[in-house]
Amino acid sequence: MRVMRESKRMETGDEEDELAELQNKRYGDGMLAANIAMYTSVGMLALVGITAQPNAFIFISLGLVLLSISMVFINAELAKVVDPNREYPSVNDKGYAKKLMEMSDDGERHIMLQGLYRAFTSISMLLFFAVLALIGYSVLTGVSQLAGILIILFILIFTNAQYMLSIRKK
């Protein structure tokens, strides 16, 4: 809500730049919080569903998942408030990512691509170690985690192939 209130303030010069930087930080923090809430609520739904908790907990968890997903979409739309001078694509648009890249300048693309590459390498490494941990867990406990292992390996193969095929020279 602060982002929306601050977007109505009329500033000039350095104050305008400081306000824009503050709004961008708040927008990023809000998006991070909404994503963490979404992943946590999905984890909670999995936990209460798998451990056979009362139905009330399942419905509460499902409600939190839906609420957090809606917060992700609402927060994504706030980009238009943070920077009203730009024509942001709708988050519901099929080509959202492509359109967002096209409207960004070279500096913005460079920052996005640096972040995406860091995230890609981190995810690849973390998923690989998750596979090793699941293998170790399966061996030590005798409880097969083969389905999870195969799903994670498929994700690793798919994302790495997608990355390599997109950057190789055509």
C-alpha atoms as a PDB file:
ATOM      1  CA  MET A   1       0.000   0.000   0.000  1.00  0.00           C
ATOM      2  CA  ARG A   2       2.923   2.338   0.635  1.00  0.00           C
ATOM      3  CA  VAL A   3       3.970   1.934  -2.979  1.00  0.00           C
ATOM      4  CA  MET A   4       0.579   3.144  -4.178  1.00  0.00           C
ATOM      5  CA  ARG A   5       0.534   6.075  -1.722  1.00  0.00           C
ATOM      6  CA  GLU A   6       4.062   7.126  -2.610  1.00  0.00           C
ATOM      7  CA  SER A   7       3.360   6.901  -6.343  1.00  0.00           C
ATOM      8  CA  LYS A   8       0.941   9.841  -5.929  1.00  0.00           C
ATOM      9  CA  ARG A   9       3.622  12.084  -4.380  1.00  0.00           C
ATOM     10  CA  MET A  10       4.986  14.685  -6.728  1.00  0.00           C
ATOM     11  CA  GLU A  11       8.747  14.987  -6.348  1.00  0.00           C
ATOM     12  CA  THR A  12      11.440  16.521  -8.542  1.00  0.00           C
ATOM     13  CA  GLY A  13      15.161  16.089  -9.041  1.00  0.00           C
ATOM     14  CA  ASP A  14      17.091  13.991  -6.557  1.00  0.00           C
ATOM     15  CA  GLU A  15      14.010  13.467  -4.384  1.00  0.00           C
ATOM     16  CA  GLU A  16      12.211  11.909  -7.355  1.00  0.00           C
ATOM     17  CA  ASP A  17      15.147   9.536  -7.966  1.00  0.00           C
ATOM     18  CA  GLU A  18      15.285   8.575  -4.282  1.00  0.00           C
ATOM     19  CA  LEU A  19      11.536   7.940  -4.231  1.00  0.00           C
ATOM     20  CA  ALA A  20      11.778   5.778  -7.380  1.00  0.00           C
ATOM     21  CA  GLU A  21      14.619   3.757  -5.849  1.00  0.00           C
ATOM     22  CA  LEU A  22      12.675   3.300  -2.607  1.00  0.00           C
ATOM     23  CA  GLN A  23       9.549   2.223  -4.513  1.00  0.00           C
ATOM     24  CA  ASN A  24      11.541  -0.300  -6.542  1.00  0.00           C
ATOM     25  CA  LYS A  25      13.018  -1.765  -3.356  1.00  0.00           C
ATOM     26  CA  ARG A  26       9.598  -1.987  -1.721  1.00  0.00           C
ATOM     27  CA  TYR A  27       8.128  -3.554  -4.855  1.00  0.00           C
ATOM     28  CA  GLY A  28      10.919  -6.156  -4.915  1.00  0.00           C
ATOM     29  CA  ASP A  29      10.519  -6.866  -1.207  1.00  0.00           C
ATOM     30  CA  GLY A  30       6.759  -7.264  -1.661  1.00  0.00           C
ATOM     31  CA  MET A  31       7.230  -9.671  -4.561  1.00  0.00           C
ATOM     32  CA  LEU A  32       9.757 -11.694  -2.570  1.00  0.00           C
ATOM     33  CA  ALA A  33       7.409 -11.848   0.429  1.00  0.00           C
ATOM     34  CA  ALA A  34       4.471 -12.903  -1.771  1.00  0.00           C
ATOM     35  CA  ASN A  35       6.546 -15.660  -3.397  1.00  0.00           C
ATOM     36  CA  ILE A  36       7.832 -16.918  -0.051  1.00  0.00           C
ATOM     37  CA  ALA A  37       4.245 -16.948   1.264  1.00  0.00           C
ATOM     38  CA  MET A  38       3.110 -18.906  -1.797  1.00  0.00           C
ATOM     39  CA  TYR A  39       5.843 -21.543  -1.482  1.00  0.00           C
ATOM     40  CA  THR A  40       5.399 -21.821   2.280  1.00  0.00           C
ATOM     41  CA  SER A  41       1.640 -22.241   1.982  1.00  0.00           C
ATOM     42  CA  VAL A  42       2.075 -24.938  -0.682  1.00  0.00           C
ATOM     43  CA  GLY A  43       4.518 -26.679   1.671  1.00  0.00           C
ATOM     44  CA  MET A  44       1.990 -26.404   4.487  1.00  0.00           C
ATOM     45  CA  LEU A  45      -0.727 -27.847   2.226  1.00  0.00           C
ATOM     46  CA  ALA A  46       1.573 -30.760   1.375  1.00  0.00           C
ATOM     47  CA  LEU A  47       2.397 -31.317   5.032  1.00  0.00           C
ATOM     48  CA  VAL A  48      -1.198 -31.365   6.255  1.00  0.00           C
ATOM     49  CA  GLY A  49      -2.354 -33.411   3.264  1.00  0.00           C
ATOM     50  CA  ILE A  50       0.335 -36.065   3.569  1.00  0.00           C
ATOM     51  CA  THR A  51       0.205 -36.361   7.360  1.00  0.00           C
ATOM     52  CA  ALA A  52      -3.589 -36.883   7.413  1.00  0.00           C
ATOM     53  CA  GLN A  53      -4.475 -33.822   9.477  1.00  0.00           C
ATOM     54  CA  PRO A  54      -8.094 -32.775  10.053  1.00  0.00           C
ATOM     55  CA  ASN A  55      -9.893 -31.425   6.993  1.00  0.00           C
ATOM     56  CA  ALA A  56     -10.067 -27.960   8.548  1.00  0.00           C
ATOM     57  CA  PHE A  57      -6.268 -27.640   8.281  1.00  0.00           C
ATOM     58  CA  ILE A  58      -6.371 -28.744   4.648  1.00  0.00           C
ATOM     59  CA  PHE A  59      -8.991 -26.089   3.818  1.00  0.00           C
ATOM     60  CA  ILE A  60      -7.056 -23.427   5.722  1.00  0.00           C
ATOM     61  CA  SER A  61      -3.896 -24.395   3.854  1.00  0.00           C
ATOM     62  CA  LEU A  62      -5.704 -24.368   0.519  1.00  0.00           C
ATOM     63  CA  GLY A  63      -7.125 -20.922   1.330  1.00  0.00           C
ATOM     64  CA  LEU A  64      -3.630 -19.644   2.155  1.00  0.00           C
ATOM     65  CA  VAL A  65      -2.312 -21.033  -1.142  1.00  0.00           C
ATOM     66  CA  LEU A  66      -5.032 -19.219  -3.085  1.00  0.00           C
ATOM     67  CA  LEU A  67      -4.500 -16.008  -1.099  1.00  0.00           C
ATOM     68  CA  SER A  68      -0.749 -16.052  -1.638  1.00  0.00           C
ATOM     69  CA  ILE A  69      -1.125 -16.759  -5.369  1.00  0.00           C
ATOM     70  CA  SER A  70      -3.486 -13.797  -5.674  1.00  0.00           C
ATOM     71  CA  MET A  71      -0.946 -11.637  -3.789  1.00  0.00           C
ATOM     72  CA  VAL A  72       1.736 -12.588  -6.325  1.00  0.00           C
ATOM     73  CA  PHE A  73      -0.505 -11.421  -9.183  1.00  0.00           C
ATOM     74  CA  ILE A  74      -1.583  -8.251  -7.361  1.00  0.00           C
ATOM     75  CA  ASN A  75       2.023  -7.394  -6.546  1.00  0.00           C
ATOM     76  CA  ALA A  76       3.077  -8.034 -10.142  1.00  0.00           C
ATOM     77  CA  GLU A  77       0.491  -5.493 -11.293  1.00  0.00           C
ATOM     78  CA  LEU A  78       2.038  -2.911  -8.919  1.00  0.00           C
ATOM     79  CA  ALA A  79       4.890  -2.468 -11.404  1.00  0.00           C
ATOM     80  CA  LYS A  80       2.516  -0.261 -13.359  1.00  0.00           C
ATOM     81  CA  VAL A  81       2.047   1.922 -10.265  1.00  0.00           C
ATOM     82  CA  VAL A  82       5.762   2.079  -9.459  1.00  0.00           C
ATOM     83  CA  ASP A  83       6.606   3.236 -12.993  1.00  0.00           C
ATOM     84  CA  PRO A  84       3.433   4.657 -14.581  1.00  0.00           C
ATOM     85  CA  ASN A  85       5.320   6.137 -17.551  1.00  0.00           C
ATOM     86  CA  ARG A  86       5.982   2.694 -19.020  1.00  0.00           C
ATOM     87  CA  GLU A  87       3.668   0.331 -20.846  1.00  0.00           C
ATOM     88  CA  TYR A  88       4.016  -2.856 -18.814  1.00  0.00           C
ATOM     89  CA  PRO A  89       2.386  -5.966 -20.272  1.00  0.00           C
ATOM     90  CA  SER A  90      -0.378  -7.628 -18.297  1.00  0.00           C
ATOM     91  CA  VAL A  91       0.812 -10.483 -16.077  1.00  0.00           C
ATOM     92  CA  ASN A  92      -1.940 -12.577 -17.681  1.00  0.00           C
ATOM     93  CA  ASP A  93      -0.408 -12.085 -21.132  1.00  0.00           C
ATOM     94  CA  LYS A  94       1.041 -15.288 -22.662  1.00  0.00           C
ATOM     95  CA  GLY A  95       4.104 -13.411 -23.887  1.00  0.00           C
ATOM     96  CA  TYR A  96       4.626 -11.509 -20.618  1.00  0.00           C
ATOM     97  CA  ALA A  97       8.304 -12.425 -20.190  1.00  0.00           C
ATOM     98  CA  LYS A  98       9.171 -11.665 -23.805  1.00  0.00           C
ATOM     99  CA  LYS A  99       7.327  -8.337 -23.760  1.00  0.00           C
ATOM    100  CA  LEU A 100       8.952  -7.379 -20.468  1.00  0.00           C
ATOM    101  CA  MET A 101      12.398  -8.042 -21.937  1.00  0.00           C
ATOM    102  CA  GLU A 102      11.566  -6.061 -25.084  1.00  0.00           C
ATOM    103  CA  MET A 103      10.429  -2.998 -23.129  1.00  0.00           C
ATOM    104  CA  SER A 104      13.500  -3.010 -20.875  1.00  0.00           C
ATOM    105  CA  ASP A 105      16.631  -1.083 -21.756  1.00  0.00           C
ATOM    106  CA  ASP A 106      20.061  -2.721 -22.000  1.00  0.00           C
ATOM    107  CA  GLY A 107      20.987  -1.939 -18.382  1.00  0.00           C
ATOM    108  CA  GLU A 108      17.754  -3.416 -17.037  1.00  0.00           C
ATOM    109  CA  ARG A 109      18.180  -6.526 -19.189  1.00  0.00           C
ATOM    110  CA  HIS A 110      21.744  -6.922 -17.973  1.00  0.00           C
ATOM    111  CA  ILE A 111      20.596  -6.800 -14.335  1.00  0.00           C
ATOM    112  CA  MET A 112      17.730  -9.240 -14.997  1.00  0.00           C
ATOM    113  CA  LEU A 113      19.970 -11.656 -16.868  1.00  0.00           C
ATOM    114  CA  GLN A 114      22.615 -11.569 -14.132  1.00  0.00           C
ATOM    115  CA  GLY A 115      19.966 -12.393 -11.540  1.00  0.00           C
ATOM    116  CA  LEU A 116      18.431 -15.100 -13.696  1.00  0.00           C
ATOM    117  CA  TYR A 117      21.807 -16.731 -14.357  1.00  0.00           C
ATOM    118  CA  ARG A 118      22.648 -16.709 -10.640  1.00  0.00           C
ATOM    119  CA  ALA A 119      19.251 -18.208  -9.860  1.00  0.00           C
ATOM    120  CA  PHE A 120      19.664 -20.848 -12.583  1.00  0.00           C
ATOM    121  CA  THR A 121      23.069 -21.982 -11.321  1.00  0.00           C
ATOM    122  CA  SER A 122      21.892 -21.977  -7.688  1.00  0.00           C
ATOM    123  CA  ILE A 123      18.765 -23.977  -8.501  1.00  0.00           C
ATOM    124  CA  SER A 124      20.747 -26.502 -10.536  1.00  0.00           C
ATOM    125  CA  MET A 125      23.225 -27.007  -7.707  1.00  0.00           C
ATOM    126  CA  LEU A 126      20.545 -27.184  -4.987  1.00  0.00           C
ATOM    127  CA  LEU A 127      18.418 -29.660  -6.950  1.00  0.00           C
ATOM    128  CA  PHE A 128      21.458 -31.845  -7.599  1.00  0.00           C
ATOM    129  CA  PHE A 129      22.241 -31.927  -3.863  1.00  0.00           C
ATOM    130  CA  ALA A 130      18.552 -32.608  -3.144  1.00  0.00           C
ATOM    131  CA  VAL A 131      18.776 -35.690  -5.371  1.00  0.00           C
ATOM    132  CA  LEU A 132      21.853 -36.855  -3.478  1.00  0.00           C
ATOM    133  CA  ALA A 133      20.092 -36.237  -0.145  1.00  0.00           C
ATOM    134  CA  LEU A 134      17.016 -38.174  -1.296  1.00  0.00           C
ATOM    135  CA  ILE A 135      19.202 -41.058  -2.452  1.00  0.00           C
ATOM    136  CA  GLY A 136      20.943 -41.069   0.942  1.00  0.00           C
ATOM    137  CA  TYR A 137      17.608 -40.895   2.754  1.00  0.00           C
ATOM    138  CA  SER A 138      16.244 -43.797   0.679  1.00  0.00           C
ATOM    139  CA  VAL A 139      19.297 -45.955   1.378  1.00  0.00           C
ATOM    140  CA  LEU A 140      19.425 -45.169   5.109  1.00  0.00           C
ATOM    141  CA  THR A 141      15.710 -45.514   5.865  1.00  0.00           C
ATOM    142  CA  GLY A 142      14.596 -48.018   3.258  1.00  0.00           C
ATOM    143  CA  VAL A 143      11.773 -45.629   2.287  1.00  0.00           C
ATOM    144  CA  SER A 144      11.982 -45.112  -1.449  1.00  0.00           C
ATOM    145  CA  GLN A 145      12.139 -41.540  -2.679  1.00  0.00           C
ATOM    146  CA  LEU A 146      12.456 -42.669  -6.281  1.00  0.00           C
ATOM    147  CA  ALA A 147       9.478 -40.641  -7.553  1.00  0.00           C
ATOM    148  CA  GLY A 148      10.906 -37.420  -6.106  1.00  0.00           C
ATOM    149  CA  ILE A 149      14.378 -38.261  -7.394  1.00  0.00           C
ATOM    150  CA  LEU A 150      13.090 -38.884 -10.916  1.00  0.00           C
ATOM    151  CA  ILE A 151      10.989 -35.707 -10.929  1.00  0.00           C
ATOM    152  CA  ILE A 152      13.932 -33.589  -9.784  1.00  0.00           C
ATOM    153  CA  LEU A 153      16.238 -35.236 -12.336  1.00  0.00           C
ATOM    154  CA  PHE A 154      13.691 -34.524 -15.086  1.00  0.00           C
ATOM    155  CA  ILE A 155      13.554 -30.864 -13.999  1.00  0.00           C
ATOM    156  CA  LEU A 156      17.358 -30.665 -14.023  1.00  0.00           C
ATOM    157  CA  ILE A 157      17.626 -32.240 -17.471  1.00  0.00           C
ATOM    158  CA  PHE A 158      14.834 -30.069 -18.899  1.00  0.00           C
ATOM    159  CA  THR A 159      16.107 -26.754 -17.510  1.00  0.00           C
ATOM    160  CA  ASN A 160      19.728 -27.421 -18.409  1.00  0.00           C
ATOM    161  CA  ALA A 161      18.793 -28.510 -21.940  1.00  0.00           C
ATOM    162  CA  GLN A 162      16.558 -25.460 -22.322  1.00  0.00           C
ATOM    163  CA  TYR A 163      19.374 -23.175 -21.174  1.00  0.00           C
ATOM    164  CA  MET A 164      22.046 -24.771 -23.359  1.00  0.00           C
ATOM    165  CA  LEU A 165      19.839 -24.864 -26.436  1.00  0.00           C
ATOM    166  CA  SER A 166      18.889 -21.213 -25.980  1.00  0.00           C
ATOM    167  CA  ILE A 167      22.466 -19.916 -25.672  1.00  0.00           C
ATOM    168  CA  ARG A 168      24.246 -22.017 -28.247  1.00  0.00           C
ATOM    169  CA  LYS A 169      25.085 -20.396 -31.519  1.00  0.00           C
ATOM    170  CA  LYS A 170      22.410 -21.005 -34.083  1.00  0.00           C
END
